[in-house]
């Protein structure tokens, strides 16, 4: 009898994943488009475009378990136009943060646990025009890791003394939390594959950021070699405070079609991971 009750109650104490891949936006609308297929998003803001110089904050926020997360996130967010979070707990505190900072967002729910939802969250000062997501199960635990791709119009200020207008270019931003518990790097490479298809069809600049769980040489090479061969540069940090496991950093920011202006790796105890704050600009036309 006790064994039967334990089996019956066990699902209540284990993470549960939604039946379908689900993106939730700031209006609580749900989107189910799987990358590389983008869904169009109704844009409500006027003058909705990124400046041609902008900053990205990337951070695994450790499920907001450290009480300092809110103070630090608000501090760093004030310097960022785009924010990619991994292990984000989708609760009222995170929603309140987005409203206080006047940020729009997408949360891709990986799993639910004790009435809370967790996954990756992409926030931005401008509204995305398109979005899609992925969900890839951990081979051992079957608890998924998620990712989000979003598209943002970019302002064109190339004309002197002109007001910003919409550029023909747009930014593709990919936020990914890499699968972790695998014998080989093949599942991680498979997880990235839908985004490689997006990269091929996107004509403008691209950013890829997240916690890639690159704790082995094989996993690191699979990610870096794949992206470098696709024309990406990896952001390097003079004072590198990123989380290191087995001698290798887990968090990365890759870029293509952009010029790197400034890169900071910030030490903190507000999470087990430290954030990266990186500033880019559109390259000047020759």
C-alpha atoms as a PDB file:
ATOM      1  CA  UNK A   1       0.000   0.000   0.000  1.00  0.00           C
ATOM      2  CA  UNK A   2       2.779   2.424   0.925  1.00  0.00           C
ATOM      3  CA  UNK A   3       4.615   1.623  -2.314  1.00  0.00           C
ATOM      4  CA  UNK A   4       1.418   2.297  -4.288  1.00  0.00           C
ATOM      5  CA  UNK A   5       0.953   5.669  -2.549  1.00  0.00           C
ATOM      6  CA  UNK A   6       4.582   6.604  -3.185  1.00  0.00           C
ATOM      7  CA  UNK A   7       4.219   5.868  -6.906  1.00  0.00           C
ATOM      8  CA  UNK A   8       0.943   7.799  -6.979  1.00  0.00           C
ATOM      9  CA  UNK A   9       2.383  10.860  -5.250  1.00  0.00           C
ATOM     10  CA  UNK A  10       5.820  10.834  -6.918  1.00  0.00           C
ATOM     11  CA  UNK A  11       4.819  13.018  -9.919  1.00  0.00           C
ATOM     12  CA  UNK A  12       3.820  15.820  -7.532  1.00  0.00           C
ATOM     13  CA  UNK A  13       7.432  16.080  -6.327  1.00  0.00           C
ATOM     14  CA  UNK A  14       9.152  15.831  -9.705  1.00  0.00           C
ATOM     15  CA  UNK A  15       9.497  18.531 -12.377  1.00  0.00           C
ATOM     16  CA  UNK A  16       6.704  18.326 -14.947  1.00  0.00           C
ATOM     17  CA  UNK A  17       7.030  19.648 -18.496  1.00  0.00           C
ATOM     18  CA  UNK A  18       4.179  21.201 -20.518  1.00  0.00           C
ATOM     19  CA  UNK A  19       2.738  18.883 -23.155  1.00  0.00           C
ATOM     20  CA  UNK A  20       3.843  21.280 -25.911  1.00  0.00           C
ATOM     21  CA  UNK A  21       6.668  23.788 -26.339  1.00  0.00           C
ATOM     22  CA  UNK A  22       5.243  27.051 -24.962  1.00  0.00           C
ATOM     23  CA  UNK A  23       6.469  30.638 -25.248  1.00  0.00           C
ATOM     24  CA  UNK A  24       4.705  33.123 -22.970  1.00  0.00           C
ATOM     25  CA  UNK A  25       4.940  36.864 -23.638  1.00  0.00           C
ATOM     26  CA  UNK A  26       4.371  39.909 -21.418  1.00  0.00           C
ATOM     27  CA  UNK A  27       0.677  39.955 -22.363  1.00  0.00           C
ATOM     28  CA  UNK A  28       0.368  36.336 -21.188  1.00  0.00           C
ATOM     29  CA  UNK A  29      -0.202  35.209 -24.760  1.00  0.00           C
ATOM     30  CA  UNK A  30       1.106  31.758 -25.631  1.00  0.00           C
ATOM     31  CA  UNK A  31       3.014  30.930 -28.812  1.00  0.00           C
ATOM     32  CA  UNK A  32       3.864  27.428 -29.998  1.00  0.00           C
ATOM     33  CA  UNK A  33       6.141  28.016 -33.003  1.00  0.00           C
ATOM     34  CA  UNK A  34       9.167  25.719 -33.035  1.00  0.00           C
ATOM     35  CA  UNK A  35      12.411  26.995 -34.517  1.00  0.00           C
ATOM     36  CA  UNK A  36      13.407  27.369 -37.282  1.00  0.00           C
ATOM     37  CA  UNK A  37       9.806  28.434 -38.064  1.00  0.00           C
ATOM     38  CA  UNK A  38       9.285  31.997 -36.805  1.00  0.00           C
ATOM     39  CA  UNK A  39       5.872  33.355 -35.816  1.00  0.00           C
ATOM     40  CA  UNK A  40       5.031  37.019 -36.424  1.00  0.00           C
ATOM     41  CA  UNK A  41       4.379  39.063 -33.277  1.00  0.00           C
ATOM     42  CA  UNK A  42       1.966  41.976 -33.218  1.00  0.00           C
ATOM     43  CA  UNK A  43       4.088  45.013 -32.379  1.00  0.00           C
ATOM     44  CA  UNK A  44       2.312  47.536 -30.163  1.00  0.00           C
ATOM     45  CA  UNK A  45       5.126  50.036 -29.583  1.00  0.00           C
ATOM     46  CA  UNK A  46       5.844  53.019 -31.829  1.00  0.00           C
ATOM     47  CA  UNK A  47       9.440  53.814 -32.815  1.00  0.00           C
ATOM     48  CA  UNK A  48      10.144  50.173 -32.102  1.00  0.00           C
ATOM     49  CA  UNK A  49      13.751  49.513 -33.094  1.00  0.00           C
ATOM     50  CA  UNK A  50      17.114  48.835 -31.512  1.00  0.00           C
ATOM     51  CA  UNK A  51      19.676  51.637 -31.672  1.00  0.00           C
ATOM     52  CA  UNK A  52      22.635  50.810 -33.889  1.00  0.00           C
ATOM     53  CA  UNK A  53      24.772  50.634 -30.732  1.00  0.00           C
ATOM     54  CA  UNK A  54      23.270  48.453 -28.005  1.00  0.00           C
ATOM     55  CA  UNK A  55      24.175  46.218 -25.069  1.00  0.00           C
ATOM     56  CA  UNK A  56      23.358  42.615 -24.158  1.00  0.00           C
ATOM     57  CA  UNK A  57      23.278  41.140 -20.651  1.00  0.00           C
ATOM     58  CA  UNK A  58      23.583  37.340 -20.459  1.00  0.00           C
ATOM     59  CA  UNK A  59      23.081  35.554 -17.119  1.00  0.00           C
ATOM     60  CA  UNK A  60      22.143  32.164 -15.713  1.00  0.00           C
ATOM     61  CA  UNK A  61      20.103  33.475 -12.801  1.00  0.00           C
ATOM     62  CA  UNK A  62      20.058  30.220 -10.772  1.00  0.00           C
ATOM     63  CA  UNK A  63      16.263  30.170 -10.381  1.00  0.00           C
ATOM     64  CA  UNK A  64      16.422  33.451  -8.400  1.00  0.00           C
ATOM     65  CA  UNK A  65      17.488  31.486  -5.307  1.00  0.00           C
ATOM     66  CA  UNK A  66      19.904  34.148  -4.060  1.00  0.00           C
ATOM     67  CA  UNK A  67      18.158  37.119  -2.402  1.00  0.00           C
ATOM     68  CA  UNK A  68      20.485  39.576  -4.183  1.00  0.00           C
ATOM     69  CA  UNK A  69      19.277  38.613  -7.661  1.00  0.00           C
ATOM     70  CA  UNK A  70      16.697  41.408  -7.932  1.00  0.00           C
ATOM     71  CA  UNK A  71      19.017  44.206  -6.817  1.00  0.00           C
ATOM     72  CA  UNK A  72      21.791  43.096  -9.151  1.00  0.00           C
ATOM     73  CA  UNK A  73      19.549  42.378 -12.127  1.00  0.00           C
ATOM     74  CA  UNK A  74      18.009  45.843 -11.863  1.00  0.00           C
ATOM     75  CA  UNK A  75      21.479  47.385 -11.643  1.00  0.00           C
ATOM     76  CA  UNK A  76      22.794  45.607 -14.746  1.00  0.00           C
ATOM     77  CA  UNK A  77      19.526  45.829 -16.686  1.00  0.00           C
ATOM     78  CA  UNK A  78      19.682  49.622 -16.578  1.00  0.00           C
ATOM     79  CA  UNK A  79      22.729  49.313 -18.864  1.00  0.00           C
ATOM     80  CA  UNK A  80      21.237  46.755 -21.272  1.00  0.00           C
ATOM     81  CA  UNK A  81      18.901  46.808 -24.271  1.00  0.00           C
ATOM     82  CA  UNK A  82      18.655  43.012 -24.453  1.00  0.00           C
ATOM     83  CA  UNK A  83      18.755  40.434 -21.645  1.00  0.00           C
ATOM     84  CA  UNK A  84      19.081  36.668 -21.979  1.00  0.00           C
ATOM     85  CA  UNK A  85      18.412  34.698 -18.798  1.00  0.00           C
ATOM     86  CA  UNK A  86      18.748  30.984 -18.190  1.00  0.00           C
ATOM     87  CA  UNK A  87      17.221  29.079 -15.241  1.00  0.00           C
ATOM     88  CA  UNK A  88      14.689  31.887 -14.907  1.00  0.00           C
ATOM     89  CA  UNK A  89      11.786  31.328 -12.520  1.00  0.00           C
ATOM     90  CA  UNK A  90       8.714  32.799 -14.161  1.00  0.00           C
ATOM     91  CA  UNK A  91       6.997  34.358 -11.165  1.00  0.00           C
ATOM     92  CA  UNK A  92       5.464  37.682 -10.171  1.00  0.00           C
ATOM     93  CA  UNK A  93       8.834  39.048  -9.066  1.00  0.00           C
ATOM     94  CA  UNK A  94      10.280  38.572 -12.558  1.00  0.00           C
ATOM     95  CA  UNK A  95       7.153  40.046 -14.150  1.00  0.00           C
ATOM     96  CA  UNK A  96       7.389  43.038 -11.786  1.00  0.00           C
ATOM     97  CA  UNK A  97      11.042  43.482 -12.744  1.00  0.00           C
ATOM     98  CA  UNK A  98      10.151  43.571 -16.450  1.00  0.00           C
ATOM     99  CA  UNK A  99       7.450  46.176 -15.831  1.00  0.00           C
ATOM    100  CA  UNK A 100       9.689  48.372 -13.671  1.00  0.00           C
ATOM    101  CA  UNK A 101      12.414  48.287 -16.321  1.00  0.00           C
ATOM    102  CA  UNK A 102       9.863  48.710 -19.171  1.00  0.00           C
ATOM    103  CA  UNK A 103      10.999  45.494 -20.825  1.00  0.00           C
ATOM    104  CA  UNK A 104       9.045  43.141 -23.027  1.00  0.00           C
ATOM    105  CA  UNK A 105       9.846  39.426 -22.779  1.00  0.00           C
ATOM    106  CA  UNK A 106       9.359  35.833 -23.848  1.00  0.00           C
ATOM    107  CA  UNK A 107       9.636  32.920 -21.421  1.00  0.00           C
ATOM    108  CA  UNK A 108      10.090  29.414 -22.827  1.00  0.00           C
ATOM    109  CA  UNK A 109       8.859  27.057 -20.125  1.00  0.00           C
ATOM    110  CA  UNK A 110      11.119  24.040 -19.632  1.00  0.00           C
ATOM    111  CA  UNK A 111       9.329  22.576 -16.621  1.00  0.00           C
ATOM    112  CA  UNK A 112       6.967  23.286 -13.743  1.00  0.00           C
ATOM    113  CA  UNK A 113       7.856  22.482 -10.143  1.00  0.00           C
ATOM    114  CA  UNK A 114       5.847  23.254  -7.001  1.00  0.00           C
ATOM    115  CA  UNK A 115       3.523  25.578  -8.920  1.00  0.00           C
ATOM    116  CA  UNK A 116       6.426  27.562 -10.415  1.00  0.00           C
ATOM    117  CA  UNK A 117       7.608  27.596 -14.049  1.00  0.00           C
ATOM    118  CA  UNK A 118      11.272  27.604 -15.090  1.00  0.00           C
ATOM    119  CA  UNK A 119      13.127  28.060 -18.365  1.00  0.00           C
ATOM    120  CA  UNK A 120      14.921  30.663 -20.464  1.00  0.00           C
ATOM    121  CA  UNK A 121      13.694  34.243 -20.643  1.00  0.00           C
ATOM    122  CA  UNK A 122      14.619  36.900 -23.224  1.00  0.00           C
ATOM    123  CA  UNK A 123      13.828  40.510 -22.309  1.00  0.00           C
ATOM    124  CA  UNK A 124      14.193  43.596 -24.480  1.00  0.00           C
ATOM    125  CA  UNK A 125      13.584  47.340 -24.504  1.00  0.00           C
ATOM    126  CA  UNK A 126      12.070  47.006 -27.961  1.00  0.00           C
ATOM    127  CA  UNK A 127       9.430  44.511 -28.918  1.00  0.00           C
ATOM    128  CA  UNK A 128      10.391  41.490 -30.992  1.00  0.00           C
ATOM    129  CA  UNK A 129       8.756  41.265 -34.408  1.00  0.00           C
ATOM    130  CA  UNK A 130       9.160  37.476 -34.637  1.00  0.00           C
ATOM    131  CA  UNK A 131       9.906  34.617 -32.266  1.00  0.00           C
ATOM    132  CA  UNK A 132      10.227  30.855 -31.976  1.00  0.00           C
ATOM    133  CA  UNK A 133      11.501  28.370 -29.431  1.00  0.00           C
ATOM    134  CA  UNK A 134      12.935  24.912 -28.888  1.00  0.00           C
ATOM    135  CA  UNK A 135      12.773  22.307 -26.188  1.00  0.00           C
ATOM    136  CA  UNK A 136      15.282  19.479 -25.930  1.00  0.00           C
ATOM    137  CA  UNK A 137      15.025  16.758 -23.235  1.00  0.00           C
ATOM    138  CA  UNK A 138      17.990  15.832 -21.094  1.00  0.00           C
ATOM    139  CA  UNK A 139      18.729  12.213 -22.118  1.00  0.00           C
ATOM    140  CA  UNK A 140      18.986  10.988 -18.515  1.00  0.00           C
ATOM    141  CA  UNK A 141      16.416  13.031 -16.623  1.00  0.00           C
ATOM    142  CA  UNK A 142      14.114  13.886 -19.570  1.00  0.00           C
ATOM    143  CA  UNK A 143      13.675  17.358 -18.012  1.00  0.00           C
ATOM    144  CA  UNK A 144      14.041  19.701 -21.013  1.00  0.00           C
ATOM    145  CA  UNK A 145      16.405  22.560 -21.684  1.00  0.00           C
ATOM    146  CA  UNK A 146      14.872  25.380 -23.714  1.00  0.00           C
ATOM    147  CA  UNK A 147      15.891  28.124 -26.115  1.00  0.00           C
ATOM    148  CA  UNK A 148      14.352  31.219 -27.717  1.00  0.00           C
ATOM    149  CA  UNK A 149      15.052  33.015 -30.987  1.00  0.00           C
ATOM    150  CA  UNK A 150      13.769  36.583 -31.448  1.00  0.00           C
ATOM    151  CA  UNK A 151      14.013  39.157 -34.240  1.00  0.00           C
ATOM    152  CA  UNK A 152      14.350  42.920 -33.611  1.00  0.00           C
ATOM    153  CA  UNK A 153      14.277  45.795 -36.129  1.00  0.00           C
ATOM    154  CA  UNK A 154      17.392  47.978 -36.039  1.00  0.00           C
ATOM    155  CA  UNK A 155      17.453  51.768 -36.297  1.00  0.00           C
ATOM    156  CA  UNK A 156      19.239  53.340 -39.226  1.00  0.00           C
ATOM    157  CA  UNK A 157      21.160  56.487 -38.245  1.00  0.00           C
ATOM    158  CA  UNK A 158      23.716  56.458 -41.023  1.00  0.00           C
ATOM    159  CA  UNK A 159      22.534  59.811 -42.381  1.00  0.00           C
ATOM    160  CA  UNK A 160      24.037  62.784 -40.559  1.00  0.00           C
ATOM    161  CA  UNK A 161      21.652  64.936 -38.471  1.00  0.00           C
ATOM    162  CA  UNK A 162      18.812  62.527 -39.199  1.00  0.00           C
ATOM    163  CA  UNK A 163      16.322  60.978 -36.832  1.00  0.00           C
ATOM    164  CA  UNK A 164      16.478  57.182 -36.444  1.00  0.00           C
ATOM    165  CA  UNK A 165      14.359  55.329 -38.959  1.00  0.00           C
ATOM    166  CA  UNK A 166      13.760  51.628 -39.482  1.00  0.00           C
ATOM    167  CA  UNK A 167      16.707  49.918 -41.120  1.00  0.00           C
ATOM    168  CA  UNK A 168      16.235  47.172 -43.653  1.00  0.00           C
ATOM    169  CA  UNK A 169      18.310  45.012 -41.315  1.00  0.00           C
ATOM    170  CA  UNK A 170      17.147  43.210 -38.202  1.00  0.00           C
ATOM    171  CA  UNK A 171      18.943  41.449 -35.359  1.00  0.00           C
ATOM    172  CA  UNK A 172      18.493  37.748 -34.685  1.00  0.00           C
ATOM    173  CA  UNK A 173      19.034  36.965 -30.990  1.00  0.00           C
ATOM    174  CA  UNK A 174      19.304  33.356 -29.794  1.00  0.00           C
ATOM    175  CA  UNK A 175      19.121  32.522 -26.088  1.00  0.00           C
ATOM    176  CA  UNK A 176      20.028  28.908 -25.283  1.00  0.00           C
ATOM    177  CA  UNK A 177      20.440  26.730 -22.204  1.00  0.00           C
ATOM    178  CA  UNK A 178      22.456  23.722 -23.345  1.00  0.00           C
ATOM    179  CA  UNK A 179      21.682  20.131 -22.401  1.00  0.00           C
ATOM    180  CA  UNK A 180      24.044  19.014 -19.677  1.00  0.00           C
ATOM    181  CA  UNK A 181      23.940  15.363 -18.623  1.00  0.00           C
ATOM    182  CA  UNK A 182      25.162  13.538 -21.732  1.00  0.00           C
ATOM    183  CA  UNK A 183      27.926  11.021 -22.449  1.00  0.00           C
ATOM    184  CA  UNK A 184      28.827  12.729 -25.733  1.00  0.00           C
ATOM    185  CA  UNK A 185      28.424  16.196 -27.242  1.00  0.00           C
ATOM    186  CA  UNK A 186      26.051  14.954 -29.931  1.00  0.00           C
ATOM    187  CA  UNK A 187      22.817  15.926 -28.071  1.00  0.00           C
ATOM    188  CA  UNK A 188      24.187  19.461 -27.608  1.00  0.00           C
ATOM    189  CA  UNK A 189      24.944  19.689 -31.319  1.00  0.00           C
ATOM    190  CA  UNK A 190      21.444  18.419 -32.137  1.00  0.00           C
ATOM    191  CA  UNK A 191      19.964  21.021 -29.801  1.00  0.00           C
ATOM    192  CA  UNK A 192      21.743  23.782 -31.741  1.00  0.00           C
ATOM    193  CA  UNK A 193      20.706  22.449 -35.189  1.00  0.00           C
ATOM    194  CA  UNK A 194      17.341  24.316 -35.522  1.00  0.00           C
ATOM    195  CA  UNK A 195      19.151  27.584 -34.811  1.00  0.00           C
ATOM    196  CA  UNK A 196      21.757  26.844 -37.474  1.00  0.00           C
ATOM    197  CA  UNK A 197      18.880  26.682 -39.955  1.00  0.00           C
ATOM    198  CA  UNK A 198      17.664  30.072 -38.716  1.00  0.00           C
ATOM    199  CA  UNK A 199      21.169  31.474 -39.083  1.00  0.00           C
ATOM    200  CA  UNK A 200      21.334  30.387 -42.710  1.00  0.00           C
ATOM    201  CA  UNK A 201      18.129  32.223 -43.601  1.00  0.00           C
ATOM    202  CA  UNK A 202      18.828  35.426 -41.627  1.00  0.00           C
ATOM    203  CA  UNK A 203      20.526  38.218 -43.576  1.00  0.00           C
ATOM    204  CA  UNK A 204      21.300  40.681 -40.757  1.00  0.00           C
ATOM    205  CA  UNK A 205      23.487  40.621 -37.627  1.00  0.00           C
ATOM    206  CA  UNK A 206      23.166  37.760 -35.133  1.00  0.00           C
ATOM    207  CA  UNK A 207      23.851  37.256 -31.413  1.00  0.00           C
ATOM    208  CA  UNK A 208      23.920  33.854 -29.717  1.00  0.00           C
ATOM    209  CA  UNK A 209      24.200  33.851 -25.929  1.00  0.00           C
ATOM    210  CA  UNK A 210      23.485  31.526 -23.052  1.00  0.00           C
ATOM    211  CA  UNK A 211      24.714  28.823 -20.735  1.00  0.00           C
ATOM    212  CA  UNK A 212      25.989  26.150 -23.136  1.00  0.00           C
ATOM    213  CA  UNK A 213      27.258  23.767 -20.435  1.00  0.00           C
ATOM    214  CA  UNK A 214      30.552  23.464 -22.299  1.00  0.00           C
ATOM    215  CA  UNK A 215      32.380  21.680 -19.486  1.00  0.00           C
ATOM    216  CA  UNK A 216      34.343  19.261 -21.692  1.00  0.00           C
ATOM    217  CA  UNK A 217      36.728  19.715 -24.605  1.00  0.00           C
ATOM    218  CA  UNK A 218      34.374  17.800 -26.897  1.00  0.00           C
ATOM    219  CA  UNK A 219      31.354  19.921 -25.960  1.00  0.00           C
ATOM    220  CA  UNK A 220      33.357  23.142 -26.256  1.00  0.00           C
ATOM    221  CA  UNK A 221      34.767  22.246 -29.656  1.00  0.00           C
ATOM    222  CA  UNK A 222      31.376  21.123 -31.000  1.00  0.00           C
ATOM    223  CA  UNK A 223      29.835  24.514 -30.171  1.00  0.00           C
ATOM    224  CA  UNK A 224      32.745  26.828 -30.964  1.00  0.00           C
ATOM    225  CA  UNK A 225      33.855  25.052 -34.134  1.00  0.00           C
ATOM    226  CA  UNK A 226      30.291  24.902 -35.444  1.00  0.00           C
ATOM    227  CA  UNK A 227      29.662  28.600 -34.848  1.00  0.00           C
ATOM    228  CA  UNK A 228      33.094  29.790 -35.982  1.00  0.00           C
ATOM    229  CA  UNK A 229      32.625  27.868 -39.231  1.00  0.00           C
ATOM    230  CA  UNK A 230      29.318  29.739 -39.611  1.00  0.00           C
ATOM    231  CA  UNK A 231      31.150  33.064 -39.400  1.00  0.00           C
ATOM    232  CA  UNK A 232      30.781  33.878 -35.698  1.00  0.00           C
ATOM    233  CA  UNK A 233      33.267  35.434 -33.299  1.00  0.00           C
ATOM    234  CA  UNK A 234      33.307  34.529 -29.618  1.00  0.00           C
ATOM    235  CA  UNK A 235      33.368  37.388 -27.103  1.00  0.00           C
ATOM    236  CA  UNK A 236      36.569  37.378 -25.065  1.00  0.00           C
ATOM    237  CA  UNK A 237      36.909  38.961 -21.616  1.00  0.00           C
ATOM    238  CA  UNK A 238      40.072  40.604 -20.269  1.00  0.00           C
ATOM    239  CA  UNK A 239      39.030  39.898 -16.673  1.00  0.00           C
ATOM    240  CA  UNK A 240      37.086  36.667 -17.074  1.00  0.00           C
ATOM    241  CA  UNK A 241      34.807  35.948 -14.112  1.00  0.00           C
ATOM    242  CA  UNK A 242      32.625  33.343 -15.834  1.00  0.00           C
ATOM    243  CA  UNK A 243      31.774  30.078 -14.060  1.00  0.00           C
ATOM    244  CA  UNK A 244      34.483  27.521 -14.831  1.00  0.00           C
ATOM    245  CA  UNK A 245      33.833  23.770 -14.695  1.00  0.00           C
ATOM    246  CA  UNK A 246      36.686  21.338 -15.413  1.00  0.00           C
ATOM    247  CA  UNK A 247      38.734  24.312 -16.579  1.00  0.00           C
ATOM    248  CA  UNK A 248      36.210  25.581 -19.146  1.00  0.00           C
ATOM    249  CA  UNK A 249      33.657  28.415 -19.065  1.00  0.00           C
ATOM    250  CA  UNK A 250      29.999  27.478 -19.481  1.00  0.00           C
ATOM    251  CA  UNK A 251      28.570  30.847 -20.585  1.00  0.00           C
ATOM    252  CA  UNK A 252      29.244  32.381 -23.991  1.00  0.00           C
ATOM    253  CA  UNK A 253      28.292  35.289 -26.241  1.00  0.00           C
ATOM    254  CA  UNK A 254      28.850  34.813 -29.984  1.00  0.00           C
ATOM    255  CA  UNK A 255      28.316  37.522 -32.611  1.00  0.00           C
ATOM    256  CA  UNK A 256      28.251  37.938 -36.380  1.00  0.00           C
ATOM    257  CA  UNK A 257      27.768  41.051 -38.481  1.00  0.00           C
ATOM    258  CA  UNK A 258      28.478  43.325 -35.485  1.00  0.00           C
ATOM    259  CA  UNK A 259      31.463  45.223 -34.100  1.00  0.00           C
ATOM    260  CA  UNK A 260      32.361  44.541 -30.467  1.00  0.00           C
ATOM    261  CA  UNK A 261      32.734  47.753 -28.423  1.00  0.00           C
ATOM    262  CA  UNK A 262      33.075  46.583 -24.825  1.00  0.00           C
ATOM    263  CA  UNK A 263      32.894  43.254 -22.982  1.00  0.00           C
ATOM    264  CA  UNK A 264      32.530  42.837 -19.223  1.00  0.00           C
ATOM    265  CA  UNK A 265      32.461  39.634 -17.204  1.00  0.00           C
ATOM    266  CA  UNK A 266      31.036  40.609 -13.824  1.00  0.00           C
ATOM    267  CA  UNK A 267      31.823  38.880 -10.527  1.00  0.00           C
ATOM    268  CA  UNK A 268      28.789  38.259  -8.286  1.00  0.00           C
ATOM    269  CA  UNK A 269      27.406  36.046  -5.534  1.00  0.00           C
ATOM    270  CA  UNK A 270      23.831  36.658  -6.701  1.00  0.00           C
ATOM    271  CA  UNK A 271      23.957  33.374  -8.690  1.00  0.00           C
ATOM    272  CA  UNK A 272      26.282  30.428  -9.181  1.00  0.00           C
ATOM    273  CA  UNK A 273      26.984  31.946 -12.628  1.00  0.00           C
ATOM    274  CA  UNK A 274      28.398  35.411 -13.259  1.00  0.00           C
ATOM    275  CA  UNK A 275      26.861  37.607 -15.973  1.00  0.00           C
ATOM    276  CA  UNK A 276      28.349  39.054 -19.142  1.00  0.00           C
ATOM    277  CA  UNK A 277      27.523  42.595 -20.290  1.00  0.00           C
ATOM    278  CA  UNK A 278      28.582  43.225 -23.885  1.00  0.00           C
ATOM    279  CA  UNK A 279      28.152  46.291 -26.110  1.00  0.00           C
ATOM    280  CA  UNK A 280      27.978  46.066 -29.906  1.00  0.00           C
ATOM    281  CA  UNK A 281      27.494  48.417 -32.813  1.00  0.00           C
ATOM    282  CA  UNK A 282      26.611  47.959 -36.455  1.00  0.00           C
ATOM    283  CA  UNK A 283      29.761  48.068 -38.608  1.00  0.00           C
ATOM    284  CA  UNK A 284      30.190  51.207 -40.646  1.00  0.00           C
ATOM    285  CA  UNK A 285      29.472  50.833 -44.322  1.00  0.00           C
ATOM    286  CA  UNK A 286      32.583  50.948 -46.480  1.00  0.00           C
END
